[in-house]
Structures are given as structure tokens and as C-alpha cells.
């Protein structure tokens, strides 16, 4: 039902300070960034290291759905975790069969389909279950061009093998010459 954890979402009062911390200090790479005029919030995805992701959400105007959550938090806090599913309808069926209530069902064509499980039904954390293509939300620097699944870059000491990750982005392995020879033997 669930493929993986996609990201942890942090609701913050000072967006500029949070972006500076994650991007300039921790080296996060910015990805998608949008404002939702209906719910009055801005969200931004950042990639860290081995394809881990965080989302920074902040109010974009008066009446934001985040006002209540942020009202008693000086800097902010973890708002929700997002888990990826290959089939939102199948996920809904499992939740229904197990009497787990959900809310906020959204369909944005083939781009994004999601729902939420309230913290009272999920051990104290808001869970977003979503069906989407992870690469659609990532910076080009952390993913392959469409249709590319792997690459090899030679170096003086061996090579770097990079592979498209099913969860979006790419993962790279540095191989020594000896490891390259062993890989060649294993493949033949």
C-alpha cells in the first residue's frame, strides 16, 4: 500500500529563516515551490543528501489553515509526513476496510492525488497519503532527464555509477577499479 516516506513537512513562522537554514547551512537543494491561494499557504520541497526530502510550509496570508497550528509555536514544528502510494484508490480501500477515517481527498488530474489521516487516528501525527510522480517535484540537479535510468562517469580511480531511484532523483555509487572489475565479472 505504501511505497516509501516521501517527505517530512515543517510548518514555520519565519520562512526566510527556515529556507536559509536548510538551503545555505545544511545544503538542501530547492525543488518545487508554490502558493495555494485557497488555503493561503506556500510550500517548498528541498532535497537533502541521499534523496531525503523536507517540505517547508508557511502562511501566505491572513486566514491560512496554518494559523491555528503555528499560533502556539515560536518557530514552528513538524506538521505532517507524506507517504507515497502507487494507488490512492487501493489505499482508501484498505483504510475503509480497517475503519480508519480520512479526510481532505484531492485529485489534481494525474499530477497529484491525496488524502489525510488525522493525528487522533495515527498516533499523534498527521499523515498525508499521496499518489504522484516524485520526479515532478524535484530540482533537475538531483534527477535524470526523462527516459534516462542510469549513467557511468569514469574517473582516475574508477567510476561513478548513478541510477534513477523509483522514489525520484538518482543515487550514485563510487567504484574503485577493483570493484569495477568485480562488477564486470558478476555481469558476465
N, C-alpha and C. Protein backbone atom coordinates (compact mmCIF):
# COMPACT_ATOMS: atom_id res chain seq x y z
N UNK A 1 0.82 -1.20 0.00
CA UNK A 1 0.00 0.00 0.00
C UNK A 1 0.87 1.26 0.00
N UNK A 2 1.93 1.29 0.82
CA UNK A 2 2.81 2.46 0.89
C UNK A 2 4.16 2.10 0.30
N UNK A 3 4.65 2.93 -0.62
CA UNK A 3 5.94 2.70 -1.26
C UNK A 3 7.09 3.18 -0.39
N UNK A 4 6.90 4.36 0.24
CA UNK A 4 8.00 4.96 1.00
C UNK A 4 7.52 6.24 1.65
N UNK A 5 8.32 6.75 2.58
CA UNK A 5 8.10 8.10 3.09
C UNK A 5 8.68 9.05 2.06
N UNK A 6 7.89 10.01 1.61
CA UNK A 6 8.39 10.98 0.64
C UNK A 6 9.05 12.16 1.33
N UNK A 7 8.36 12.76 2.28
CA UNK A 7 8.95 13.91 2.97
C UNK A 7 8.30 14.15 4.32
N UNK A 8 9.01 14.93 5.12
CA UNK A 8 8.50 15.45 6.38
C UNK A 8 8.22 16.93 6.13
N UNK A 9 7.04 17.37 6.55
CA UNK A 9 6.64 18.76 6.32
C UNK A 9 6.77 19.56 7.61
N UNK A 10 7.50 20.68 7.51
CA UNK A 10 7.71 21.57 8.64
C UNK A 10 6.93 22.86 8.42
N UNK A 11 6.05 23.17 9.35
CA UNK A 11 5.33 24.44 9.31
C UNK A 11 6.16 25.46 10.08
N UNK A 12 6.41 26.61 9.47
CA UNK A 12 7.28 27.61 10.09
C UNK A 12 6.63 28.98 10.09
N UNK A 13 7.01 29.77 11.09
CA UNK A 13 6.57 31.16 11.15
C UNK A 13 7.47 32.08 10.33
N UNK A 14 8.77 31.80 10.32
CA UNK A 14 9.74 32.63 9.60
C UNK A 14 10.31 31.83 8.42
N UNK A 15 9.63 31.95 7.29
CA UNK A 15 10.01 31.18 6.11
C UNK A 15 11.43 31.48 5.65
N UNK A 16 11.81 32.74 5.58
CA UNK A 16 13.16 33.10 5.12
C UNK A 16 14.23 32.48 6.01
N UNK A 17 14.03 32.52 7.30
CA UNK A 17 14.99 31.93 8.24
C UNK A 17 15.09 30.42 8.04
N UNK A 18 13.95 29.75 7.85
CA UNK A 18 13.95 28.30 7.64
C UNK A 18 14.62 27.92 6.32
N UNK A 19 14.31 28.65 5.26
CA UNK A 19 14.93 28.36 3.96
C UNK A 19 16.44 28.57 4.05
N UNK A 20 16.86 29.66 4.68
CA UNK A 20 18.30 29.92 4.85
C UNK A 20 18.97 28.76 5.60
N UNK A 21 18.35 28.31 6.68
CA UNK A 21 18.92 27.23 7.49
C UNK A 21 19.08 25.95 6.66
N UNK A 22 18.01 25.52 6.01
CA UNK A 22 18.08 24.25 5.28
C UNK A 22 18.89 24.35 4.00
N UNK A 23 18.76 25.44 3.27
CA UNK A 23 19.47 25.57 1.99
C UNK A 23 20.92 26.01 2.16
N UNK A 24 21.16 27.07 2.90
CA UNK A 24 22.50 27.64 2.98
C UNK A 24 23.39 26.98 4.02
N UNK A 25 22.80 26.47 5.10
CA UNK A 25 23.61 25.86 6.15
C UNK A 25 23.69 24.34 5.97
N UNK A 26 22.55 23.68 5.73
CA UNK A 26 22.55 22.23 5.59
C UNK A 26 22.74 21.75 4.16
N UNK A 27 22.69 22.65 3.18
CA UNK A 27 22.95 22.28 1.79
C UNK A 27 21.79 21.66 1.05
N UNK A 28 20.56 21.89 1.50
CA UNK A 28 19.39 21.36 0.82
C UNK A 28 19.25 22.00 -0.56
N UNK A 29 18.78 21.21 -1.51
CA UNK A 29 18.59 21.68 -2.89
C UNK A 29 17.11 21.96 -3.10
N UNK A 30 16.75 23.21 -3.46
CA UNK A 30 15.34 23.54 -3.63
C UNK A 30 14.73 22.83 -4.83
N UNK A 31 13.46 22.45 -4.67
CA UNK A 31 12.69 21.83 -5.75
C UNK A 31 11.46 22.67 -6.02
N UNK A 32 10.31 22.02 -6.12
CA UNK A 32 9.06 22.72 -6.41
C UNK A 32 8.73 23.71 -5.29
N UNK A 33 8.08 24.80 -5.68
CA UNK A 33 7.73 25.87 -4.76
C UNK A 33 6.44 26.50 -5.28
N UNK A 34 5.37 26.47 -4.49
CA UNK A 34 4.10 27.01 -4.96
C UNK A 34 3.32 27.65 -3.83
N UNK A 35 2.39 28.53 -4.20
CA UNK A 35 1.47 29.14 -3.26
C UNK A 35 0.08 28.60 -3.56
N UNK A 36 -0.63 28.19 -2.51
CA UNK A 36 -2.02 27.75 -2.63
C UNK A 36 -2.88 28.91 -2.15
N UNK A 37 -3.52 29.62 -3.09
CA UNK A 37 -4.32 30.79 -2.75
C UNK A 37 -5.58 30.43 -1.97
N UNK A 38 -6.08 29.23 -2.17
CA UNK A 38 -7.30 28.81 -1.48
C UNK A 38 -7.05 28.58 0.02
N UNK A 39 -5.99 27.83 0.35
CA UNK A 39 -5.67 27.55 1.75
C UNK A 39 -4.71 28.57 2.35
N UNK A 40 -4.23 29.48 1.52
CA UNK A 40 -3.36 30.58 1.94
C UNK A 40 -2.08 30.09 2.61
N UNK A 41 -1.34 29.29 1.84
CA UNK A 41 -0.04 28.85 2.33
C UNK A 41 0.91 28.64 1.16
N UNK A 42 2.19 28.67 1.48
CA UNK A 42 3.24 28.43 0.49
C UNK A 42 3.98 27.17 0.91
N UNK A 43 4.29 26.33 -0.07
CA UNK A 43 5.06 25.12 0.22
C UNK A 43 6.25 25.03 -0.72
N UNK A 44 7.35 24.49 -0.19
CA UNK A 44 8.59 24.33 -0.95
C UNK A 44 9.21 22.99 -0.57
N UNK A 45 9.63 22.24 -1.58
CA UNK A 45 10.30 20.96 -1.36
C UNK A 45 11.81 21.16 -1.46
N UNK A 46 12.55 20.52 -0.56
CA UNK A 46 14.01 20.57 -0.57
C UNK A 46 14.55 19.14 -0.49
N UNK A 47 15.56 18.84 -1.31
CA UNK A 47 16.22 17.53 -1.29
C UNK A 47 17.49 17.63 -0.46
N UNK A 48 17.72 16.59 0.34
CA UNK A 48 18.90 16.53 1.19
C UNK A 48 19.62 15.20 0.95
N UNK A 49 20.91 15.25 0.73
CA UNK A 49 21.75 14.05 0.69
C UNK A 49 21.23 12.92 -0.16
N UNK A 50 20.90 11.81 0.47
CA UNK A 50 20.55 10.57 -0.20
C UNK A 50 19.08 10.51 -0.63
N UNK A 51 18.56 11.56 -1.15
CA UNK A 51 17.19 11.65 -1.64
C UNK A 51 16.17 11.87 -0.53
N UNK A 52 16.62 12.21 0.66
CA UNK A 52 15.69 12.59 1.71
C UNK A 52 15.11 13.95 1.35
N UNK A 53 13.88 14.19 1.77
CA UNK A 53 13.24 15.45 1.43
C UNK A 53 12.54 16.05 2.64
N UNK A 54 12.52 17.37 2.67
CA UNK A 54 11.69 18.09 3.63
C UNK A 54 10.84 19.06 2.83
N UNK A 55 9.74 19.45 3.42
CA UNK A 55 8.87 20.45 2.84
C UNK A 55 8.75 21.56 3.88
N UNK A 56 8.90 22.78 3.45
CA UNK A 56 8.68 23.92 4.33
C UNK A 56 7.35 24.54 3.92
N UNK A 57 6.42 24.64 4.89
CA UNK A 57 5.14 25.28 4.63
C UNK A 57 5.00 26.49 5.55
N UNK A 58 4.41 27.54 5.01
CA UNK A 58 4.23 28.76 5.79
C UNK A 58 2.99 29.48 5.29
N UNK A 59 2.44 30.31 6.15
CA UNK A 59 1.27 31.10 5.80
C UNK A 59 1.61 32.07 4.69
N UNK A 60 0.68 32.25 3.74
CA UNK A 60 0.88 33.25 2.69
C UNK A 60 -0.12 34.39 2.80
N UNK A 61 -0.89 34.37 3.87
CA UNK A 61 -1.84 35.45 4.06
C UNK A 61 -2.76 35.19 5.24
N UNK A 62 -3.51 36.19 5.61
CA UNK A 62 -4.44 36.09 6.72
C UNK A 62 -5.50 35.04 6.41
N UNK A 63 -5.83 34.22 7.42
CA UNK A 63 -6.83 33.18 7.23
C UNK A 63 -6.23 31.85 6.76
N UNK A 64 -4.91 31.74 6.80
CA UNK A 64 -4.24 30.49 6.39
C UNK A 64 -4.65 29.35 7.32
N UNK A 65 -4.78 28.16 6.76
CA UNK A 65 -5.10 26.99 7.57
C UNK A 65 -4.01 26.70 8.60
N UNK A 66 -2.82 27.29 8.44
CA UNK A 66 -1.72 27.05 9.36
C UNK A 66 -1.77 27.92 10.63
N UNK A 67 -2.62 28.93 10.64
CA UNK A 67 -2.64 29.87 11.77
C UNK A 67 -2.83 29.16 13.11
N UNK A 68 -3.78 28.25 13.21
CA UNK A 68 -4.02 27.55 14.47
C UNK A 68 -2.83 26.69 14.87
N UNK A 69 -2.25 25.99 13.91
CA UNK A 69 -1.11 25.12 14.20
C UNK A 69 0.08 25.93 14.69
N UNK A 70 0.34 27.07 14.07
CA UNK A 70 1.52 27.86 14.39
C UNK A 70 1.32 28.83 15.56
N UNK A 71 0.09 29.03 16.00
CA UNK A 71 -0.19 30.06 17.00
C UNK A 71 0.55 29.84 18.32
N UNK A 72 0.81 28.59 18.70
CA UNK A 72 1.48 28.33 19.97
C UNK A 72 2.90 27.81 19.80
N UNK A 73 3.46 28.02 18.62
CA UNK A 73 4.82 27.56 18.35
C UNK A 73 5.68 28.75 17.93
N UNK A 74 6.75 28.98 18.65
CA UNK A 74 7.61 30.14 18.37
C UNK A 74 8.21 30.06 16.96
N UNK A 75 8.84 28.94 16.65
CA UNK A 75 9.49 28.80 15.35
C UNK A 75 8.69 27.94 14.37
N UNK A 76 7.91 27.01 14.86
CA UNK A 76 7.16 26.08 14.02
C UNK A 76 7.34 24.67 14.53
N UNK A 77 7.09 23.70 13.65
CA UNK A 77 7.24 22.31 14.05
C UNK A 77 6.82 21.37 12.94
N UNK A 78 6.95 20.08 13.23
CA UNK A 78 6.56 19.08 12.23
C UNK A 78 5.04 19.13 12.09
N UNK A 79 4.59 19.35 10.88
CA UNK A 79 3.16 19.45 10.59
C UNK A 79 2.60 18.10 10.16
N UNK A 80 3.28 17.42 9.23
CA UNK A 80 2.82 16.11 8.76
C UNK A 80 3.94 15.35 8.08
N UNK A 81 3.71 14.06 7.86
CA UNK A 81 4.60 13.28 6.99
C UNK A 81 3.79 12.85 5.78
N UNK A 82 4.45 12.81 4.65
CA UNK A 82 3.80 12.38 3.41
C UNK A 82 4.40 11.05 2.99
N UNK A 83 3.52 10.07 2.78
CA UNK A 83 3.93 8.77 2.29
C UNK A 83 3.36 8.58 0.89
N UNK A 84 4.15 7.92 0.05
CA UNK A 84 3.75 7.70 -1.34
C UNK A 84 3.06 6.35 -1.49
N UNK A 85 2.02 6.33 -2.28
CA UNK A 85 1.34 5.09 -2.64
C UNK A 85 1.26 5.01 -4.17
N UNK A 86 1.37 3.82 -4.74
CA UNK A 86 1.20 3.70 -6.19
C UNK A 86 -0.27 3.77 -6.61
N UNK A 87 -1.21 3.62 -5.64
CA UNK A 87 -2.64 3.56 -5.97
C UNK A 87 -3.46 4.12 -4.81
N UNK A 88 -3.88 5.36 -4.93
CA UNK A 88 -4.63 6.02 -3.85
C UNK A 88 -5.97 5.33 -3.61
N UNK A 89 -6.58 4.81 -4.67
CA UNK A 89 -7.87 4.14 -4.50
C UNK A 89 -7.71 2.86 -3.68
N UNK A 90 -6.65 2.10 -3.93
CA UNK A 90 -6.37 0.89 -3.15
C UNK A 90 -6.07 1.27 -1.69
N UNK A 91 -5.35 2.36 -1.49
CA UNK A 91 -5.05 2.82 -0.13
C UNK A 91 -6.34 3.18 0.60
N UNK A 92 -7.25 3.87 -0.08
CA UNK A 92 -8.55 4.22 0.52
C UNK A 92 -9.32 2.97 0.91
N UNK A 93 -9.28 1.95 0.06
CA UNK A 93 -9.99 0.70 0.33
C UNK A 93 -9.44 0.04 1.61
N UNK A 94 -8.11 0.01 1.75
CA UNK A 94 -7.51 -0.58 2.96
C UNK A 94 -7.93 0.22 4.20
N UNK A 95 -7.91 1.54 4.10
CA UNK A 95 -8.33 2.37 5.23
C UNK A 95 -9.80 2.11 5.58
N UNK A 96 -10.66 2.06 4.55
CA UNK A 96 -12.08 1.79 4.78
C UNK A 96 -12.29 0.42 5.43
N UNK A 97 -11.60 -0.60 4.92
CA UNK A 97 -11.73 -1.96 5.45
C UNK A 97 -11.29 -2.05 6.91
N UNK A 98 -10.41 -1.14 7.33
CA UNK A 98 -9.91 -1.16 8.70
C UNK A 98 -10.49 -0.04 9.56
N UNK A 99 -11.56 0.59 9.05
CA UNK A 99 -12.27 1.65 9.78
C UNK A 99 -11.35 2.79 10.22
N UNK A 100 -10.39 3.13 9.36
CA UNK A 100 -9.51 4.27 9.61
C UNK A 100 -10.09 5.46 8.84
N UNK A 101 -10.59 6.47 9.55
CA UNK A 101 -11.15 7.62 8.85
C UNK A 101 -10.07 8.47 8.17
N UNK A 102 -10.45 9.12 7.10
CA UNK A 102 -9.56 10.03 6.37
C UNK A 102 -10.37 11.21 5.88
N UNK A 103 -9.67 12.24 5.48
CA UNK A 103 -10.33 13.47 5.03
C UNK A 103 -9.47 14.17 4.00
N UNK A 104 -10.01 15.26 3.42
CA UNK A 104 -9.24 16.11 2.52
C UNK A 104 -8.87 15.47 1.21
N UNK A 105 -9.69 14.57 0.68
CA UNK A 105 -9.39 13.89 -0.58
C UNK A 105 -9.26 14.92 -1.69
N UNK A 106 -8.11 14.88 -2.40
CA UNK A 106 -7.84 15.81 -3.51
C UNK A 106 -7.40 15.04 -4.73
N UNK A 107 -7.86 15.47 -5.88
CA UNK A 107 -7.41 14.93 -7.17
C UNK A 107 -7.04 16.09 -8.06
N UNK A 108 -5.77 16.16 -8.44
CA UNK A 108 -5.32 17.17 -9.40
C UNK A 108 -4.86 16.40 -10.64
N UNK A 109 -5.82 15.83 -11.34
CA UNK A 109 -5.52 15.03 -12.53
C UNK A 109 -4.55 13.91 -12.21
N UNK A 110 -3.62 13.67 -13.12
CA UNK A 110 -2.60 12.65 -12.91
C UNK A 110 -1.40 13.18 -12.14
N UNK A 111 -1.40 14.48 -11.83
CA UNK A 111 -0.25 15.10 -11.18
C UNK A 111 -0.18 14.74 -9.70
N UNK A 112 -1.33 14.79 -9.00
CA UNK A 112 -1.32 14.61 -7.55
C UNK A 112 -2.70 14.16 -7.08
N UNK A 113 -2.72 13.09 -6.31
CA UNK A 113 -3.94 12.60 -5.67
C UNK A 113 -3.59 12.30 -4.22
N UNK A 114 -4.36 12.82 -3.27
CA UNK A 114 -4.01 12.60 -1.87
C UNK A 114 -5.20 12.57 -0.94
N UNK A 115 -4.91 12.20 0.30
CA UNK A 115 -5.86 12.23 1.41
C UNK A 115 -5.06 12.33 2.69
N UNK A 116 -5.74 12.61 3.80
CA UNK A 116 -5.08 12.77 5.09
C UNK A 116 -5.71 11.88 6.15
N UNK A 117 -4.88 11.41 7.09
CA UNK A 117 -5.35 10.71 8.27
C UNK A 117 -5.05 11.63 9.46
N UNK A 118 -6.08 11.92 10.24
CA UNK A 118 -5.96 12.84 11.37
C UNK A 118 -5.01 12.27 12.43
N UNK A 119 -4.28 13.14 13.14
CA UNK A 119 -3.38 12.66 14.20
C UNK A 119 -4.06 11.78 15.25
N UNK A 120 -5.33 12.04 15.57
CA UNK A 120 -6.01 11.21 16.59
C UNK A 120 -6.18 9.76 16.12
N UNK A 121 -6.09 9.54 14.80
CA UNK A 121 -6.22 8.19 14.25
C UNK A 121 -4.89 7.61 13.80
N UNK A 122 -3.79 8.37 14.01
CA UNK A 122 -2.47 7.94 13.50
C UNK A 122 -1.37 8.22 14.53
N UNK A 123 -1.67 7.95 15.80
CA UNK A 123 -0.68 8.01 16.86
C UNK A 123 0.00 9.36 17.00
N UNK A 124 -0.79 10.42 16.80
CA UNK A 124 -0.31 11.77 17.09
C UNK A 124 0.33 12.52 15.93
N UNK A 125 0.35 11.95 14.73
CA UNK A 125 0.95 12.66 13.59
C UNK A 125 -0.05 12.70 12.42
N UNK A 126 -0.15 13.84 11.78
CA UNK A 126 -0.96 13.97 10.58
C UNK A 126 -0.22 13.25 9.45
N UNK A 127 -0.91 12.34 8.79
CA UNK A 127 -0.31 11.59 7.68
C UNK A 127 -1.02 11.94 6.39
N UNK A 128 -0.25 12.29 5.39
CA UNK A 128 -0.75 12.54 4.05
C UNK A 128 -0.34 11.33 3.20
N UNK A 129 -1.30 10.68 2.57
CA UNK A 129 -1.03 9.60 1.63
C UNK A 129 -1.25 10.16 0.25
N UNK A 130 -0.24 10.04 -0.63
CA UNK A 130 -0.33 10.68 -1.94
C UNK A 130 0.15 9.75 -3.06
N UNK A 131 -0.49 9.89 -4.21
CA UNK A 131 -0.10 9.20 -5.43
C UNK A 131 0.39 10.27 -6.41
N UNK A 132 1.65 10.12 -6.88
CA UNK A 132 2.26 11.14 -7.72
C UNK A 132 3.54 10.60 -8.33
N UNK A 133 4.13 11.35 -9.25
CA UNK A 133 5.44 11.04 -9.81
C UNK A 133 6.46 11.89 -9.06
N UNK A 134 7.31 11.27 -8.22
CA UNK A 134 8.23 12.05 -7.39
C UNK A 134 9.14 13.00 -8.17
N UNK A 135 9.59 12.61 -9.36
CA UNK A 135 10.49 13.48 -10.12
C UNK A 135 9.84 14.80 -10.53
N UNK A 136 8.50 14.85 -10.57
CA UNK A 136 7.81 16.08 -10.97
C UNK A 136 8.07 17.23 -10.00
N UNK A 137 8.51 16.92 -8.79
CA UNK A 137 8.63 17.93 -7.75
C UNK A 137 10.08 18.24 -7.38
N UNK A 138 11.04 17.65 -8.12
CA UNK A 138 12.45 17.79 -7.76
C UNK A 138 13.20 18.71 -8.71
N UNK A 139 14.27 19.29 -8.21
CA UNK A 139 15.18 20.12 -8.98
C UNK A 139 15.90 19.24 -10.00
N UNK A 140 16.14 19.75 -11.19
CA UNK A 140 16.84 18.99 -12.24
C UNK A 140 18.21 18.51 -11.79
N UNK A 141 18.83 19.20 -10.85
CA UNK A 141 20.18 18.84 -10.39
C UNK A 141 20.20 17.50 -9.66
N UNK A 142 19.06 17.04 -9.15
CA UNK A 142 19.04 15.79 -8.38
C UNK A 142 18.31 14.66 -9.10
N UNK A 143 18.02 14.85 -10.39
CA UNK A 143 17.34 13.79 -11.13
C UNK A 143 17.88 13.69 -12.56
N UNK A 144 17.60 12.56 -13.20
CA UNK A 144 17.97 12.35 -14.59
C UNK A 144 16.95 13.00 -15.52
N UNK A 145 17.37 13.29 -16.76
CA UNK A 145 16.38 13.71 -17.76
C UNK A 145 15.38 12.57 -17.99
N UNK A 146 14.19 12.90 -18.42
CA UNK A 146 13.16 11.88 -18.68
C UNK A 146 13.72 10.79 -19.59
N UNK A 147 13.45 9.55 -19.23
CA UNK A 147 13.86 8.41 -20.04
C UNK A 147 15.24 7.86 -19.70
N UNK A 148 16.04 8.58 -18.95
CA UNK A 148 17.38 8.10 -18.57
C UNK A 148 17.27 7.38 -17.24
N UNK A 149 17.80 6.15 -17.17
CA UNK A 149 17.70 5.36 -15.94
C UNK A 149 19.04 5.18 -15.24
N UNK A 150 20.16 5.39 -15.96
CA UNK A 150 21.47 5.22 -15.34
C UNK A 150 22.53 5.95 -16.14
N UNK A 151 23.68 6.14 -15.49
CA UNK A 151 24.83 6.74 -16.18
C UNK A 151 26.10 6.23 -15.53
N UNK A 152 27.21 6.29 -16.30
CA UNK A 152 28.53 5.91 -15.80
C UNK A 152 29.48 7.05 -16.13
N UNK A 153 30.22 7.50 -15.13
CA UNK A 153 31.24 8.53 -15.33
C UNK A 153 32.58 7.96 -14.89
N UNK A 154 33.53 7.91 -15.83
CA UNK A 154 34.86 7.39 -15.50
C UNK A 154 35.64 8.45 -14.71
N UNK A 155 36.55 7.94 -13.86
CA UNK A 155 37.43 8.83 -13.13
C UNK A 155 38.83 8.21 -13.10
N UNK A 156 39.79 8.91 -12.55
CA UNK A 156 41.16 8.40 -12.47
C UNK A 156 41.27 7.17 -11.58
N UNK A 157 40.37 7.03 -10.62
CA UNK A 157 40.46 5.92 -9.66
C UNK A 157 39.38 4.86 -9.87
N UNK A 158 38.49 5.05 -10.80
CA UNK A 158 37.41 4.08 -11.05
C UNK A 158 36.29 4.72 -11.83
N UNK A 159 35.09 4.68 -11.24
CA UNK A 159 33.95 5.29 -11.91
C UNK A 159 32.85 5.61 -10.90
N UNK A 160 31.89 6.35 -11.38
CA UNK A 160 30.69 6.66 -10.60
C UNK A 160 29.50 6.11 -11.37
N UNK A 161 28.76 5.19 -10.75
CA UNK A 161 27.53 4.66 -11.33
C UNK A 161 26.37 5.40 -10.69
N UNK A 162 25.48 5.92 -11.51
CA UNK A 162 24.29 6.59 -10.99
C UNK A 162 23.05 5.92 -11.56
N UNK A 163 22.04 5.77 -10.72
CA UNK A 163 20.81 5.10 -11.11
C UNK A 163 19.61 5.96 -10.74
N UNK A 164 18.58 5.91 -11.60
CA UNK A 164 17.32 6.56 -11.27
C UNK A 164 16.69 5.81 -10.10
N UNK A 165 16.24 6.55 -9.10
CA UNK A 165 15.61 5.96 -7.94
C UNK A 165 14.10 5.94 -8.15
N UNK A 166 13.43 4.83 -7.85
CA UNK A 166 11.97 4.79 -8.02
C UNK A 166 11.25 5.86 -7.20
N UNK A 167 11.88 6.33 -6.12
CA UNK A 167 11.29 7.37 -5.30
C UNK A 167 11.63 8.77 -5.78
N UNK A 168 12.17 8.89 -6.98
CA UNK A 168 12.55 10.18 -7.53
C UNK A 168 14.02 10.45 -7.32
N UNK A 169 14.59 11.23 -8.19
CA UNK A 169 16.00 11.57 -8.08
C UNK A 169 16.90 10.43 -8.54
N UNK A 170 18.15 10.51 -8.12
CA UNK A 170 19.12 9.49 -8.50
C UNK A 170 20.03 9.19 -7.33
N UNK A 171 20.60 8.01 -7.37
CA UNK A 171 21.54 7.59 -6.34
C UNK A 171 22.83 7.21 -7.05
N UNK A 172 23.96 7.57 -6.45
CA UNK A 172 25.27 7.33 -7.09
C UNK A 172 26.17 6.50 -6.20
N UNK A 173 26.96 5.66 -6.83
CA UNK A 173 27.95 4.82 -6.15
C UNK A 173 29.31 5.04 -6.77
N UNK A 174 30.31 5.30 -5.96
CA UNK A 174 31.69 5.41 -6.43
C UNK A 174 32.31 4.02 -6.38
N UNK A 175 32.87 3.56 -7.49
CA UNK A 175 33.51 2.25 -7.55
C UNK A 175 34.99 2.41 -7.86
N UNK A 176 35.81 1.65 -7.14
CA UNK A 176 37.24 1.61 -7.44
C UNK A 176 37.44 0.74 -8.68
N UNK A 177 38.65 0.73 -9.22
CA UNK A 177 38.93 -0.12 -10.40
C UNK A 177 38.69 -1.59 -10.05
N UNK A 178 39.08 -2.02 -8.85
CA UNK A 178 38.87 -3.41 -8.44
C UNK A 178 37.37 -3.73 -8.37
N UNK A 179 36.59 -2.80 -7.85
CA UNK A 179 35.14 -3.02 -7.79
C UNK A 179 34.53 -3.04 -9.19
N UNK A 180 35.06 -2.22 -10.09
CA UNK A 180 34.59 -2.23 -11.49
C UNK A 180 34.85 -3.60 -12.12
N UNK A 181 36.04 -4.16 -11.87
CA UNK A 181 36.39 -5.48 -12.42
C UNK A 181 35.46 -6.55 -11.84
N UNK A 182 35.18 -6.47 -10.54
CA UNK A 182 34.29 -7.44 -9.92
C UNK A 182 32.87 -7.31 -10.50
N UNK A 183 32.42 -6.10 -10.71
CA UNK A 183 31.10 -5.89 -11.30
C UNK A 183 31.06 -6.48 -12.70
N UNK A 184 32.11 -6.26 -13.47
CA UNK A 184 32.18 -6.80 -14.83
C UNK A 184 32.08 -8.32 -14.79
N UNK A 185 32.80 -8.98 -13.87
CA UNK A 185 32.74 -10.44 -13.72
C UNK A 185 31.33 -10.89 -13.34
N UNK A 186 30.73 -10.16 -12.41
CA UNK A 186 29.38 -10.52 -11.96
C UNK A 186 28.35 -10.41 -13.07
N UNK A 187 28.56 -9.50 -14.00
CA UNK A 187 27.61 -9.29 -15.09
C UNK A 187 27.79 -10.24 -16.27
N UNK A 188 28.94 -10.92 -16.32
CA UNK A 188 29.16 -11.84 -17.45
C UNK A 188 29.03 -13.28 -17.06
